Amino acid sequence: MGSFSIWHWLIVLLIVIMVFGTKKLKNIGGDLGGAVKGFKDGMKEGGTAPDDKVTDAAKVSNAGAAEKTTIDVEVKQKS
């Protein structure tokens, strides 16, 4: 009773196909495959040096952050 046989899984698959339809399941499968591929590509790129992936826009924004070394804070006192 604890494990399902192949017939149980085939019946579940048939019900899922009847409920969602083959076109929707194909789209879901394609989306899932694309997500897995993107994840694998991201994991491969994660091993590269951080200097390799720095863009010009990131360099400009980091330069602006380096120039500003103080933080202006206003204190509101309760009367």
N, C-alpha and C. Protein backbone atom coordinates (compact mmCIF):
# COMPACT_ATOMS: atom_id res chain seq x y z
N MET A 1 0.81 -1.19 0.00
CA MET A 1 0.00 0.00 0.00
C MET A 1 0.86 1.26 0.00
N GLY A 2 2.12 1.17 0.44
CA GLY A 2 2.96 2.35 0.57
C GLY A 2 3.49 2.88 -0.75
N SER A 3 3.72 2.03 -1.74
CA SER A 3 4.28 2.50 -2.99
C SER A 3 3.25 2.40 -4.11
N PHE A 4 3.42 3.26 -5.10
CA PHE A 4 2.52 3.27 -6.24
C PHE A 4 3.12 2.44 -7.37
N SER A 5 2.27 1.73 -8.07
CA SER A 5 2.73 0.98 -9.23
C SER A 5 2.71 1.88 -10.45
N ILE A 6 3.18 1.37 -11.55
CA ILE A 6 3.21 2.13 -12.80
C ILE A 6 1.80 2.50 -13.25
N TRP A 7 0.85 1.65 -12.97
CA TRP A 7 -0.54 1.92 -13.37
C TRP A 7 -1.12 3.11 -12.61
N HIS A 8 -0.77 3.24 -11.35
CA HIS A 8 -1.23 4.40 -10.58
C HIS A 8 -0.69 5.70 -11.20
N TRP A 9 0.60 5.70 -11.54
CA TRP A 9 1.21 6.89 -12.13
C TRP A 9 0.63 7.21 -13.50
N LEU A 10 0.32 6.19 -14.29
CA LEU A 10 -0.28 6.43 -15.61
C LEU A 10 -1.68 7.03 -15.48
N ILE A 11 -2.44 6.58 -14.50
CA ILE A 11 -3.78 7.14 -14.28
C ILE A 11 -3.67 8.60 -13.83
N VAL A 12 -2.72 8.90 -12.95
CA VAL A 12 -2.52 10.28 -12.51
C VAL A 12 -2.10 11.15 -13.69
N LEU A 13 -1.20 10.64 -14.53
CA LEU A 13 -0.76 11.38 -15.71
C LEU A 13 -1.93 11.64 -16.66
N LEU A 14 -2.77 10.66 -16.87
CA LEU A 14 -3.94 10.82 -17.74
C LEU A 14 -4.88 11.89 -17.19
N ILE A 15 -5.11 11.89 -15.90
CA ILE A 15 -5.99 12.90 -15.28
C ILE A 15 -5.39 14.29 -15.42
N VAL A 16 -4.08 14.41 -15.21
CA VAL A 16 -3.42 15.72 -15.35
C VAL A 16 -3.53 16.22 -16.78
N ILE A 17 -3.34 15.34 -17.75
CA ILE A 17 -3.46 15.73 -19.17
C ILE A 17 -4.88 16.16 -19.48
N MET A 18 -5.85 15.47 -18.92
CA MET A 18 -7.25 15.83 -19.17
C MET A 18 -7.60 17.17 -18.54
N VAL A 19 -7.04 17.46 -17.38
CA VAL A 19 -7.36 18.71 -16.69
C VAL A 19 -6.67 19.90 -17.35
N PHE A 20 -5.37 19.79 -17.60
CA PHE A 20 -4.61 20.94 -18.10
C PHE A 20 -4.52 21.00 -19.61
N GLY A 21 -4.57 19.88 -20.27
CA GLY A 21 -4.41 19.87 -21.73
C GLY A 21 -2.95 19.78 -22.12
N THR A 22 -2.70 19.23 -23.28
CA THR A 22 -1.32 19.00 -23.71
C THR A 22 -0.59 20.29 -24.06
N LYS A 23 -1.30 21.28 -24.59
CA LYS A 23 -0.65 22.53 -24.98
C LYS A 23 -0.13 23.27 -23.75
N LYS A 24 -0.94 23.34 -22.71
CA LYS A 24 -0.52 24.03 -21.50
C LYS A 24 0.63 23.29 -20.83
N LEU A 25 0.58 21.96 -20.82
CA LEU A 25 1.67 21.18 -20.23
C LEU A 25 2.96 21.36 -21.03
N LYS A 26 2.84 21.49 -22.37
CA LYS A 26 4.02 21.72 -23.20
C LYS A 26 4.63 23.08 -22.87
N ASN A 27 3.80 24.10 -22.69
CA ASN A 27 4.30 25.43 -22.33
C ASN A 27 4.97 25.42 -20.97
N ILE A 28 4.37 24.73 -20.02
CA ILE A 28 4.95 24.64 -18.68
C ILE A 28 6.30 23.92 -18.74
N GLY A 29 6.36 22.84 -19.53
CA GLY A 29 7.61 22.11 -19.69
C GLY A 29 8.69 22.96 -20.32
N GLY A 30 8.32 23.75 -21.33
CA GLY A 30 9.28 24.64 -21.97
C GLY A 30 9.80 25.71 -21.03
N ASP A 31 8.88 26.28 -20.23
CA ASP A 31 9.28 27.29 -19.25
C ASP A 31 10.20 26.70 -18.20
N LEU A 32 9.87 25.51 -17.74
CA LEU A 32 10.70 24.85 -16.73
C LEU A 32 12.08 24.52 -17.30
N GLY A 33 12.12 24.05 -18.54
CA GLY A 33 13.40 23.76 -19.18
C GLY A 33 14.25 25.00 -19.35
N GLY A 34 13.62 26.10 -19.73
CA GLY A 34 14.35 27.37 -19.86
C GLY A 34 14.89 27.86 -18.53
N ALA A 35 14.11 27.67 -17.48
CA ALA A 35 14.57 28.08 -16.15
C ALA A 35 15.76 27.25 -15.70
N VAL A 36 15.71 25.95 -15.96
CA VAL A 36 16.82 25.07 -15.58
C VAL A 36 18.07 25.45 -16.37
N LYS A 37 17.91 25.73 -17.66
CA LYS A 37 19.05 26.12 -18.49
C LYS A 37 19.64 27.44 -18.00
N GLY A 38 18.79 28.39 -17.67
CA GLY A 38 19.27 29.66 -17.12
C GLY A 38 20.00 29.48 -15.81
N PHE A 39 19.50 28.59 -14.97
CA PHE A 39 20.15 28.32 -13.69
C PHE A 39 21.53 27.71 -13.91
N LYS A 40 21.63 26.75 -14.84
CA LYS A 40 22.92 26.13 -15.13
C LYS A 40 23.91 27.15 -15.68
N ASP A 41 23.45 28.02 -16.58
CA ASP A 41 24.32 29.06 -17.12
C ASP A 41 24.79 30.01 -16.02
N GLY A 42 23.89 30.34 -15.12
CA GLY A 42 24.25 31.20 -14.00
C GLY A 42 25.27 30.56 -13.08
N MET A 43 25.14 29.26 -12.87
CA MET A 43 26.12 28.56 -12.03
C MET A 43 27.49 28.52 -12.71
N LYS A 44 27.52 28.38 -14.03
CA LYS A 44 28.81 28.39 -14.75
C LYS A 44 29.46 29.76 -14.66
N GLU A 45 28.67 30.82 -14.79
CA GLU A 45 29.20 32.18 -14.73
C GLU A 45 29.60 32.55 -13.31
N GLY A 46 29.05 31.90 -12.32
CA GLY A 46 29.37 32.20 -10.93
C GLY A 46 30.81 31.89 -10.58
N GLY A 47 31.48 31.03 -11.34
CA GLY A 47 32.86 30.66 -11.06
C GLY A 47 33.87 31.63 -11.64
N THR A 48 33.45 32.60 -12.44
CA THR A 48 34.39 33.54 -13.05
C THR A 48 34.76 34.62 -12.06
N ALA A 49 35.83 35.32 -12.37
CA ALA A 49 36.30 36.40 -11.50
C ALA A 49 35.31 37.56 -11.56
N PRO A 50 35.10 38.27 -10.46
CA PRO A 50 34.14 39.37 -10.46
C PRO A 50 34.54 40.51 -11.38
N ASP A 51 35.84 40.73 -11.61
CA ASP A 51 36.28 41.82 -12.48
C ASP A 51 35.89 41.59 -13.93
N ASP A 52 35.71 40.34 -14.33
CA ASP A 52 35.36 40.03 -15.71
C ASP A 52 33.96 40.50 -16.07
N LYS A 53 33.06 40.55 -15.10
CA LYS A 53 31.66 40.85 -15.41
C LYS A 53 31.24 42.28 -15.08
N VAL A 54 32.18 43.13 -14.68
CA VAL A 54 31.83 44.49 -14.32
C VAL A 54 31.57 45.29 -15.60
N THR A 55 30.42 45.94 -15.67
CA THR A 55 30.08 46.73 -16.85
C THR A 55 30.48 48.17 -16.63
N ASP A 56 30.41 48.96 -17.70
CA ASP A 56 30.76 50.37 -17.61
C ASP A 56 29.80 51.11 -16.68
N ALA A 57 28.52 50.77 -16.73
CA ALA A 57 27.54 51.42 -15.86
C ALA A 57 27.84 51.13 -14.40
N ALA A 58 28.26 49.93 -14.11
CA ALA A 58 28.60 49.58 -12.72
C ALA A 58 29.84 50.33 -12.27
N LYS A 59 30.80 50.51 -13.18
CA LYS A 59 32.01 51.26 -12.83
C LYS A 59 31.67 52.70 -12.51
N VAL A 60 30.77 53.30 -13.29
CA VAL A 60 30.38 54.69 -13.06
C VAL A 60 29.65 54.83 -11.73
N SER A 61 28.72 53.91 -11.45
CA SER A 61 27.97 54.00 -10.20
C SER A 61 28.88 53.75 -9.00
N ASN A 62 29.85 52.88 -9.13
CA ASN A 62 30.79 52.64 -8.03
C ASN A 62 31.70 53.84 -7.82
N ALA A 63 32.07 54.55 -8.88
CA ALA A 63 32.91 55.72 -8.75
C ALA A 63 32.17 56.82 -7.99
N GLY A 64 30.88 56.98 -8.27
CA GLY A 64 30.08 57.97 -7.56
C GLY A 64 29.93 57.63 -6.09
N ALA A 65 29.85 56.36 -5.77
CA ALA A 65 29.72 55.94 -4.38
C ALA A 65 31.04 56.14 -3.64
N ALA A 66 32.16 56.01 -4.33
CA ALA A 66 33.46 56.17 -3.68
C ALA A 66 33.72 57.62 -3.32
N GLU A 67 33.20 58.56 -4.10
CA GLU A 67 33.41 59.98 -3.82
C GLU A 67 32.66 60.43 -2.58
N LYS A 68 31.53 59.87 -2.32
CA LYS A 68 30.73 60.28 -1.17
C LYS A 68 31.11 59.41 0.02
N THR A 69 31.80 60.02 0.98
CA THR A 69 32.28 59.25 2.12
C THR A 69 31.51 59.54 3.40
N THR A 70 30.63 60.53 3.39
CA THR A 70 29.84 60.84 4.59
C THR A 70 28.37 60.64 4.31
N ILE A 71 27.63 60.47 5.37
CA ILE A 71 26.19 60.31 5.27
C ILE A 71 25.54 61.44 6.07
N ASP A 72 24.65 62.17 5.42
CA ASP A 72 23.94 63.26 6.10
C ASP A 72 22.70 62.68 6.79
N VAL A 73 22.56 62.97 8.09
CA VAL A 73 21.43 62.44 8.86
C VAL A 73 20.80 63.60 9.62
N GLU A 74 19.48 63.68 9.55
CA GLU A 74 18.76 64.68 10.33
C GLU A 74 18.13 64.00 11.53
N VAL A 75 18.27 64.63 12.69
CA VAL A 75 17.71 64.08 13.90
C VAL A 75 16.47 64.90 14.27
N LYS A 76 15.34 64.22 14.43
CA LYS A 76 14.12 64.89 14.83
C LYS A 76 13.93 64.65 16.32
N GLN A 77 13.78 65.73 17.07
CA GLN A 77 13.59 65.61 18.51
C GLN A 77 12.13 65.82 18.86
N LYS A 78 11.67 65.04 19.81
CA LYS A 78 10.30 65.20 20.28
C LYS A 78 10.22 66.36 21.24
N SER A 79 9.19 67.22 21.13
CA SER A 79 9.05 68.34 22.04
C SER A 79 8.05 68.06 23.11
